[in-house]
Amino acid sequence: MRRAIVLALVSCGAAAHPESMPVPPIAHDAKPVVNALLARMARVRELEALRDVPTVVMSRNELIARLEAHIAREVPKDEIAGEETFLKLLGVIAQDQSYERTVYDSLRESTGGMYEPFDGKMYLPDDLADDVARETREHESVHALQDQHFNLAALEKYVPGASDWMLARSCLAEGDATSATHEGEEIGANPSTYVEREISAPYVTGTAFVRALRERGGWREVDRAWTRGALTTEQVLHPEKWFAAEVAETVPTPSFVSLGSDFARAWIDVRGELALRLVLESAVPARAAGDAASGWAGDTAMVARSPNRVALAWRIRWDDEAHARAAEPTLSMAFATSRSCMASVTRDGRDVLVLALPERSDCTLLGRWSKEILGR
């Protein structure tokens, strides 16, 4: 991995430093002085290099420490806690597992480098083999070109409650860079854990998306994806929906009156089709997960918390009732049999509602809560 963005946690250098000022681009009528590698990647990617990109080499421990400090500065702790609770209540990660720590441990082994928009520099660990270091510099150079033309700091800044949008942008960024540097090569090595799949997803799905765009209109079509506006992982997974400009539906935030007056909303998010697929793959084969997630139209996930308990409601909407009906058994298999919590899966027309409570909760509460949210 050269640059990773993990749903609600990791965005390696994707957000602007609060104390920094954007570097003004060099005027297009001036000839920028850039290194040979950046100039070559600019020709491959068909984006003019507007300024050089300094490279900073440091130890891997220093690189990971820099990444951790970046996340601590940019991502609220409550958001990380909400993501972890979501995954634990669905049985995706173990109850005693730290999601944040697991991500860092995985990145420590896989990260090859990172480009930071806030200072326009490339950061590399000092333990890379020569060929890997060259490939990493090529990949990060494409990220630098993206930043110089499309402003990565603004487009990939962490936005609470917008995991689908952030992951879709990550897929575009990584697919763009990987397509430019590894054209024709297969990406990915069958990651086994949820966090590994989450880290590799932008590279695998993003590369397929960018290739579809290039087949339609070359790099100019990829440029249009950067500038058109809203992007969803549904569009990334199904490029025909991007070409058709199919947008996601807004799904109401689940209420939680049935849980009691001591509960308060702690976290809310739009997960998206790719996140749904990744979560399902923790319990069912990848093909079944993809089939169930296909036809996604929108969703809203919500974690409510009391002083001693937590609860999750995830309302997912499909394009039509047939897709929702076909997905319901897979979601029931994945979630209703979770050992980490009491869970229920209920369908109402195009919507499927996933509820999760801690073990030893009142069984009748799931039924009351489901009726409250779905209105029946």
Protein backbone atom coordinates (compact mmCIF):
# COMPACT_ATOMS: atom_id res chain seq x y z
CA MET A 1 0.00 0.00 0.00
CA ARG A 2 1.28 3.44 -0.86
CA ARG A 3 -1.50 5.61 0.47
CA ALA A 4 -4.51 4.37 2.42
CA ILE A 5 -7.84 5.86 3.42
CA VAL A 6 -9.90 3.77 5.80
CA LEU A 7 -13.60 4.62 6.00
CA ALA A 8 -13.92 6.76 9.11
CA LEU A 9 -10.34 6.65 10.34
CA VAL A 10 -7.47 6.93 7.91
CA SER A 11 -6.92 9.62 5.31
CA CYS A 12 -3.17 9.73 4.82
CA GLY A 13 -2.54 13.40 4.31
CA ALA A 14 -5.99 14.04 2.88
CA ALA A 15 -6.95 17.02 5.05
CA ALA A 16 -5.35 20.43 5.12
CA HIS A 17 -3.23 21.41 8.11
CA PRO A 18 -5.19 24.08 10.03
CA GLU A 19 -2.15 26.35 10.36
CA SER A 20 -0.99 26.09 6.75
CA MET A 21 -1.75 28.25 3.78
CA PRO A 22 -2.34 26.71 0.34
CA VAL A 23 0.62 26.93 -1.98
CA PRO A 24 -0.32 29.13 -4.95
CA PRO A 25 -0.02 27.30 -8.27
CA ILE A 26 2.61 28.37 -10.74
CA ALA A 27 1.16 30.38 -13.61
CA HIS A 28 0.57 28.23 -16.67
CA ASP A 29 2.65 30.54 -18.81
CA ALA A 30 5.68 29.87 -16.61
CA LYS A 31 7.82 26.77 -17.04
CA PRO A 32 7.92 24.97 -13.66
CA VAL A 33 11.13 23.28 -12.61
CA VAL A 34 10.27 19.69 -11.63
CA ASN A 35 12.20 16.49 -11.20
CA ALA A 36 12.35 13.96 -14.03
CA LEU A 37 10.07 11.41 -12.37
CA LEU A 38 7.29 13.93 -11.75
CA ALA A 39 7.64 15.24 -15.29
CA ARG A 40 7.32 11.70 -16.66
CA MET A 41 4.23 10.95 -14.55
CA ALA A 42 2.72 14.26 -15.66
CA ARG A 43 3.02 13.08 -19.26
CA VAL A 44 1.53 9.67 -18.42
CA ARG A 45 -1.35 11.14 -16.42
CA GLU A 46 -1.84 14.01 -18.89
CA LEU A 47 -1.77 16.64 -16.13
CA GLU A 48 0.75 19.47 -16.19
CA ALA A 49 3.15 19.56 -13.23
CA LEU A 50 2.66 23.01 -11.70
CA ARG A 51 5.42 22.75 -9.10
CA ASP A 52 8.00 20.28 -7.83
CA VAL A 53 7.27 17.81 -5.00
CA PRO A 54 10.01 17.52 -2.35
CA THR A 55 10.61 14.04 -0.92
CA VAL A 56 11.22 13.48 2.80
CA VAL A 57 12.64 10.12 3.89
CA MET A 58 12.13 9.00 7.49
CA SER A 59 11.98 5.82 9.54
CA ARG A 60 8.82 3.74 9.34
CA ASN A 61 8.12 4.49 13.02
CA GLU A 62 8.35 8.21 12.29
CA LEU A 63 6.01 7.84 9.30
CA ILE A 64 3.37 5.97 11.32
CA ALA A 65 3.73 8.48 14.17
CA ARG A 66 3.13 11.27 11.68
CA LEU A 67 0.04 9.45 10.41
CA GLU A 68 -1.30 8.92 13.93
CA ALA A 69 -0.76 12.59 14.78
CA HIS A 70 -2.57 13.60 11.60
CA ILE A 71 -5.58 11.42 12.48
CA ALA A 72 -5.65 12.70 16.06
CA ARG A 73 -5.73 16.25 14.71
CA GLU A 74 -8.33 15.71 11.98
CA VAL A 75 -10.72 12.96 13.14
CA PRO A 76 -12.81 13.44 16.31
CA LYS A 77 -12.41 10.65 18.85
CA ASP A 78 -16.20 10.25 19.01
CA GLU A 79 -16.23 9.38 15.32
CA ILE A 80 -13.62 6.66 15.78
CA ALA A 81 -15.54 5.30 18.78
CA GLY A 82 -18.76 5.26 16.75
CA GLU A 83 -17.11 3.36 13.92
CA GLU A 84 -15.73 0.80 16.36
CA THR A 85 -19.11 0.34 18.07
CA PHE A 86 -20.80 -0.13 14.69
CA LEU A 87 -18.36 -2.89 13.73
CA LYS A 88 -18.52 -4.63 17.10
CA LEU A 89 -22.30 -4.69 17.35
CA LEU A 90 -22.46 -6.27 13.89
CA GLY A 91 -19.89 -8.88 14.90
CA VAL A 92 -17.36 -7.69 12.31
CA ILE A 93 -14.53 -7.23 14.82
CA ALA A 94 -14.06 -8.80 18.25
CA GLN A 95 -15.38 -7.13 21.38
CA ASP A 96 -11.89 -6.79 22.86
CA GLN A 97 -10.34 -5.51 19.61
CA SER A 98 -9.30 -1.89 19.12
CA TYR A 99 -10.32 -0.83 15.62
CA GLU A 100 -7.95 2.12 15.64
CA ARG A 101 -4.98 0.07 16.83
CA THR A 102 -5.71 -2.67 14.29
CA VAL A 103 -5.67 -0.12 11.47
CA TYR A 104 -2.34 1.32 12.60
CA ASP A 105 -0.81 -2.14 12.92
CA SER A 106 -1.92 -3.04 9.41
CA LEU A 107 -0.65 0.24 7.97
CA ARG A 108 2.69 -0.23 9.70
CA GLU A 109 3.24 -3.32 7.55
CA SER A 110 1.68 -2.11 4.30
CA THR A 111 2.23 1.63 3.95
CA GLY A 112 4.80 2.52 1.33
CA GLY A 113 4.51 6.29 1.58
CA MET A 114 2.16 9.25 1.66
CA TYR A 115 1.65 12.58 -0.05
CA GLU A 116 0.63 15.50 2.19
CA PRO A 117 -1.40 18.25 0.51
CA PHE A 118 -0.88 20.63 3.44
CA ASP A 119 2.81 21.06 2.64
CA GLY A 120 3.01 19.58 -0.87
CA LYS A 121 5.61 17.00 0.17
CA MET A 122 6.00 13.26 -0.29
CA TYR A 123 6.95 11.17 2.76
CA LEU A 124 8.63 7.78 2.39
CA PRO A 125 9.95 5.21 4.89
CA ASP A 126 13.67 4.47 4.69
CA ASP A 127 13.24 0.68 4.50
CA LEU A 128 11.86 0.35 0.95
CA ALA A 129 13.67 -1.67 -1.69
CA ASP A 130 14.81 0.38 -4.67
CA ASP A 131 12.09 -0.87 -7.03
CA VAL A 132 9.36 -0.38 -4.42
CA ALA A 133 10.64 3.11 -3.63
CA ARG A 134 10.53 4.00 -7.34
CA GLU A 135 6.96 2.68 -7.72
CA THR A 136 5.91 4.51 -4.56
CA ARG A 137 7.36 7.80 -5.82
CA GLU A 138 5.47 7.32 -9.10
CA HIS A 139 2.21 6.65 -7.28
CA GLU A 140 2.60 9.56 -4.88
CA SER A 141 3.59 11.83 -7.76
CA VAL A 142 0.17 11.19 -9.30
CA HIS A 143 -1.45 12.17 -5.99
CA ALA A 144 0.61 15.37 -6.11
CA LEU A 145 -0.67 16.09 -9.62
CA GLN A 146 -4.23 15.46 -8.40
CA ASP A 147 -3.66 17.95 -5.61
CA GLN A 148 -2.19 20.60 -7.90
CA HIS A 149 -5.20 20.44 -10.24
CA PHE A 150 -8.16 19.32 -8.09
CA ASN A 151 -7.25 20.34 -4.50
CA LEU A 152 -7.08 17.08 -2.54
CA ALA A 153 -7.12 18.96 0.76
CA ALA A 154 -10.64 20.20 0.10
CA LEU A 155 -12.01 17.18 -1.76
CA GLU A 156 -10.84 14.58 0.78
CA LYS A 157 -11.20 16.47 4.03
CA TYR A 158 -12.80 14.40 6.76
CA VAL A 159 -16.56 15.01 6.91
CA PRO A 160 -18.50 13.44 9.84
CA GLY A 161 -21.36 11.23 8.70
CA ALA A 162 -20.18 11.00 5.10
CA SER A 163 -18.23 7.72 4.92
CA ASP A 164 -19.68 6.83 1.53
CA TRP A 165 -18.60 10.12 -0.04
CA MET A 166 -15.13 9.94 1.53
CA LEU A 167 -14.60 6.32 0.49
CA ALA A 168 -15.78 7.07 -3.06
CA ARG A 169 -13.26 9.94 -3.28
CA SER A 170 -10.57 7.62 -1.95
CA CYS A 171 -11.44 5.09 -4.66
CA LEU A 172 -11.12 7.79 -7.30
CA ALA A 173 -7.76 9.00 -5.94
CA GLU A 174 -6.23 5.54 -5.58
CA GLY A 175 -7.73 4.20 -8.80
CA ASP A 176 -6.42 7.23 -10.67
CA ALA A 177 -2.89 6.81 -9.31
CA THR A 178 -2.83 3.02 -9.66
CA SER A 179 -4.17 3.11 -13.20
CA ALA A 180 -1.45 5.60 -14.15
CA THR A 181 1.39 3.63 -12.56
CA HIS A 182 0.32 -0.03 -12.92
CA GLU A 183 -1.69 -0.15 -16.11
CA GLY A 184 -2.58 -3.72 -17.05
CA GLU A 185 -1.53 -5.26 -13.73
CA GLU A 186 -3.84 -7.07 -11.35
CA ILE A 187 -4.34 -5.32 -8.02
CA GLY A 188 -4.91 -6.99 -4.64
CA ALA A 189 -3.99 -10.28 -2.95
CA ASN A 190 -7.21 -11.59 -1.38
CA PRO A 191 -7.06 -9.81 2.00
CA SER A 192 -8.56 -11.93 4.77
CA THR A 193 -9.55 -9.57 7.60
CA TYR A 194 -12.08 -6.75 7.56
CA VAL A 195 -9.45 -4.05 8.09
CA GLU A 196 -7.25 -5.49 5.32
CA ARG A 197 -10.22 -5.51 2.93
CA GLU A 198 -11.10 -1.97 3.98
CA ILE A 199 -7.58 -0.72 3.27
CA SER A 200 -7.27 -2.47 -0.10
CA ALA A 201 -10.78 -1.66 -1.38
CA PRO A 202 -9.99 1.83 -2.77
CA TYR A 203 -7.16 0.41 -4.84
CA VAL A 204 -9.08 -2.57 -6.23
CA THR A 205 -12.50 -1.02 -6.87
CA GLY A 206 -11.06 2.40 -7.65
CA THR A 207 -8.78 1.03 -10.36
CA ALA A 208 -11.67 -0.79 -12.06
CA PHE A 209 -13.73 2.43 -11.93
CA VAL A 210 -10.99 4.57 -13.43
CA ARG A 211 -10.35 2.04 -16.19
CA ALA A 212 -14.05 2.18 -17.09
CA LEU A 213 -13.86 5.98 -17.26
CA ARG A 214 -10.76 5.87 -19.43
CA GLU A 215 -12.35 3.38 -21.81
CA ARG A 216 -15.19 5.85 -22.29
CA GLY A 217 -13.23 9.11 -22.61
CA GLY A 218 -9.56 8.76 -21.63
CA TRP A 219 -7.99 10.79 -18.84
CA ARG A 220 -10.34 13.71 -19.56
CA GLU A 221 -13.23 11.56 -18.34
CA VAL A 222 -11.28 10.88 -15.13
CA ASP A 223 -10.72 14.62 -14.74
CA ARG A 224 -14.49 15.09 -15.06
CA ALA A 225 -15.05 12.69 -12.16
CA TRP A 226 -12.86 14.93 -10.00
CA THR A 227 -14.85 18.04 -10.84
CA ARG A 228 -18.44 16.86 -11.33
CA GLY A 229 -19.37 16.86 -7.64
CA ALA A 230 -21.10 14.14 -5.63
CA LEU A 231 -19.63 10.66 -6.01
CA THR A 232 -20.88 7.47 -4.34
CA THR A 233 -19.32 4.04 -3.96
CA GLU A 234 -22.37 2.69 -5.81
CA GLN A 235 -21.19 4.68 -8.84
CA VAL A 236 -17.64 3.43 -8.31
CA LEU A 237 -18.81 -0.19 -8.22
CA HIS A 238 -21.20 0.32 -11.14
CA PRO A 239 -19.69 2.91 -13.52
CA GLU A 240 -22.83 2.87 -15.66
CA LYS A 241 -24.59 4.56 -12.74
CA TRP A 242 -21.95 7.29 -12.74
CA PHE A 243 -22.43 7.86 -16.45
CA ALA A 244 -26.20 8.01 -15.82
CA ALA A 245 -25.64 10.44 -12.90
CA GLU A 246 -27.69 8.22 -10.56
CA VAL A 247 -27.59 9.79 -7.09
CA ALA A 248 -28.13 8.23 -3.68
CA GLU A 249 -31.45 8.59 -1.88
CA THR A 250 -31.65 10.26 1.53
CA VAL A 251 -32.78 7.72 4.13
CA PRO A 252 -34.36 9.01 7.38
CA THR A 253 -32.25 8.84 10.51
CA PRO A 254 -33.60 6.07 12.79
CA SER A 255 -35.37 7.23 15.95
CA PHE A 256 -34.73 5.57 19.31
CA VAL A 257 -37.53 6.54 21.72
CA SER A 258 -38.17 2.87 22.50
CA LEU A 259 -34.70 2.52 24.00
CA GLY A 260 -35.49 4.86 26.88
CA SER A 261 -34.86 8.45 27.87
CA ASP A 262 -31.29 7.73 29.01
CA PHE A 263 -30.19 7.06 25.42
CA ALA A 264 -28.75 9.78 23.20
CA ARG A 265 -27.55 9.72 19.61
CA ALA A 266 -23.78 9.21 19.61
CA TRP A 267 -22.92 8.63 15.94
CA ILE A 268 -24.61 8.81 12.55
CA ASP A 269 -23.27 7.91 9.14
CA VAL A 270 -24.08 7.10 5.51
CA ARG A 271 -22.15 3.91 4.84
CA GLY A 272 -22.70 3.24 1.12
CA GLU A 273 -22.76 0.15 -1.06
CA LEU A 274 -19.05 -0.65 -0.82
CA ALA A 275 -19.05 -0.47 2.99
CA LEU A 276 -22.13 -2.71 3.08
CA ARG A 277 -20.35 -5.22 0.87
CA LEU A 278 -17.18 -5.15 3.01
CA VAL A 279 -19.18 -5.72 6.21
CA LEU A 280 -21.16 -8.59 4.67
CA GLU A 281 -17.95 -10.25 3.49
CA SER A 282 -17.06 -10.80 7.15
CA ALA A 283 -19.91 -13.33 7.35
CA VAL A 284 -20.73 -14.55 3.82
CA PRO A 285 -18.76 -15.29 0.62
CA ALA A 286 -17.72 -12.26 -1.42
CA ARG A 287 -20.05 -13.08 -4.32
CA ALA A 288 -23.07 -13.35 -2.02
CA ALA A 289 -22.08 -10.08 -0.34
CA GLY A 290 -21.80 -8.32 -3.69
CA ASP A 291 -25.15 -9.68 -4.90
CA ALA A 292 -26.90 -8.58 -1.70
CA ALA A 293 -25.39 -5.09 -1.76
CA SER A 294 -26.19 -4.57 -5.44
CA GLY A 295 -29.17 -2.31 -5.96
CA TRP A 296 -28.29 -0.19 -2.92
CA ALA A 297 -30.06 3.16 -3.11
CA GLY A 298 -29.15 4.81 0.21
CA ASP A 299 -28.72 4.16 3.93
CA THR A 300 -28.30 5.74 7.35
CA ALA A 301 -26.58 4.08 10.30
CA MET A 302 -27.01 5.37 13.86
CA VAL A 303 -25.47 4.42 17.20
CA ALA A 304 -27.33 5.45 20.34
CA ARG A 305 -25.64 5.33 23.72
CA SER A 306 -26.70 5.40 27.37
CA PRO A 307 -24.34 5.50 30.36
CA ASN A 308 -24.09 1.69 30.32
CA ARG A 309 -25.37 0.45 26.96
CA VAL A 310 -25.12 0.99 23.22
CA ALA A 311 -27.48 0.18 20.37
CA LEU A 312 -27.27 0.27 16.57
CA ALA A 313 -29.88 0.90 13.89
CA TRP A 314 -28.93 0.66 10.20
CA ARG A 315 -31.68 1.42 7.70
CA ILE A 316 -30.71 0.38 4.18
CA ARG A 317 -32.76 1.14 1.07
CA TRP A 318 -32.62 -0.65 -2.29
CA ASP A 319 -33.67 0.56 -5.74
CA ASP A 320 -36.78 -1.63 -5.69
CA GLU A 321 -38.54 -4.17 -3.51
CA ALA A 322 -37.19 -7.10 -5.52
CA HIS A 323 -33.59 -6.16 -4.66
CA ALA A 324 -34.49 -5.66 -1.00
CA ARG A 325 -36.31 -8.99 -0.86
CA ALA A 326 -33.33 -10.77 -2.43
CA ALA A 327 -30.88 -9.12 0.00
CA GLU A 328 -32.85 -9.80 3.19
CA PRO A 329 -31.78 -13.48 3.67
CA THR A 330 -28.09 -12.58 3.26
CA LEU A 331 -28.36 -9.76 5.80
CA SER A 332 -30.20 -12.07 8.20
CA MET A 333 -27.47 -14.68 7.84
CA ALA A 334 -24.75 -12.07 8.37
CA PHE A 335 -26.24 -10.11 11.26
CA ALA A 336 -29.12 -11.86 13.02
CA THR A 337 -26.84 -14.75 14.04
CA SER A 338 -24.08 -12.49 15.39
CA ARG A 339 -22.61 -13.77 18.66
CA SER A 340 -21.61 -10.29 19.81
CA CYS A 341 -25.12 -8.93 20.29
CA MET A 342 -28.84 -9.47 19.93
CA ALA A 343 -29.78 -8.51 16.39
CA SER A 344 -32.78 -8.44 14.11
CA VAL A 345 -33.25 -7.90 10.38
CA THR A 346 -36.65 -6.65 9.20
CA ARG A 347 -37.77 -5.70 5.70
CA ASP A 348 -40.44 -3.15 4.88
CA GLY A 349 -40.84 -2.69 1.12
CA ARG A 350 -37.55 -1.37 -0.27
CA ASP A 351 -36.03 -0.87 3.20
CA VAL A 352 -34.20 -3.41 5.33
CA LEU A 353 -33.66 -2.45 8.98
CA VAL A 354 -30.77 -3.96 10.94
CA LEU A 355 -30.96 -3.51 14.73
CA ALA A 356 -28.35 -4.59 17.26
CA LEU A 357 -28.33 -4.50 21.05
CA PRO A 358 -25.84 -5.81 23.60
CA GLU A 359 -26.31 -9.36 24.85
CA ARG A 360 -28.75 -9.90 27.73
CA SER A 361 -31.04 -7.14 26.47
CA ASP A 362 -34.82 -7.43 26.54
CA CYS A 363 -35.86 -9.52 23.53
CA THR A 364 -39.12 -7.61 23.10
CA LEU A 365 -37.20 -4.35 22.75
CA LEU A 366 -36.02 -5.25 19.25
CA GLY A 367 -39.61 -5.67 18.10
CA ARG A 368 -40.78 -2.39 19.63
CA TRP A 369 -37.82 -0.50 18.20
CA SER A 370 -38.34 -1.97 14.73
CA LYS A 371 -42.02 -0.91 14.73
CA GLU A 372 -41.05 2.58 15.90
CA ILE A 373 -38.59 3.10 13.04
CA LEU A 374 -40.58 1.48 10.26
CA GLY A 375 -43.92 2.80 11.45
CA ARG A 376 -45.66 -0.56 11.62
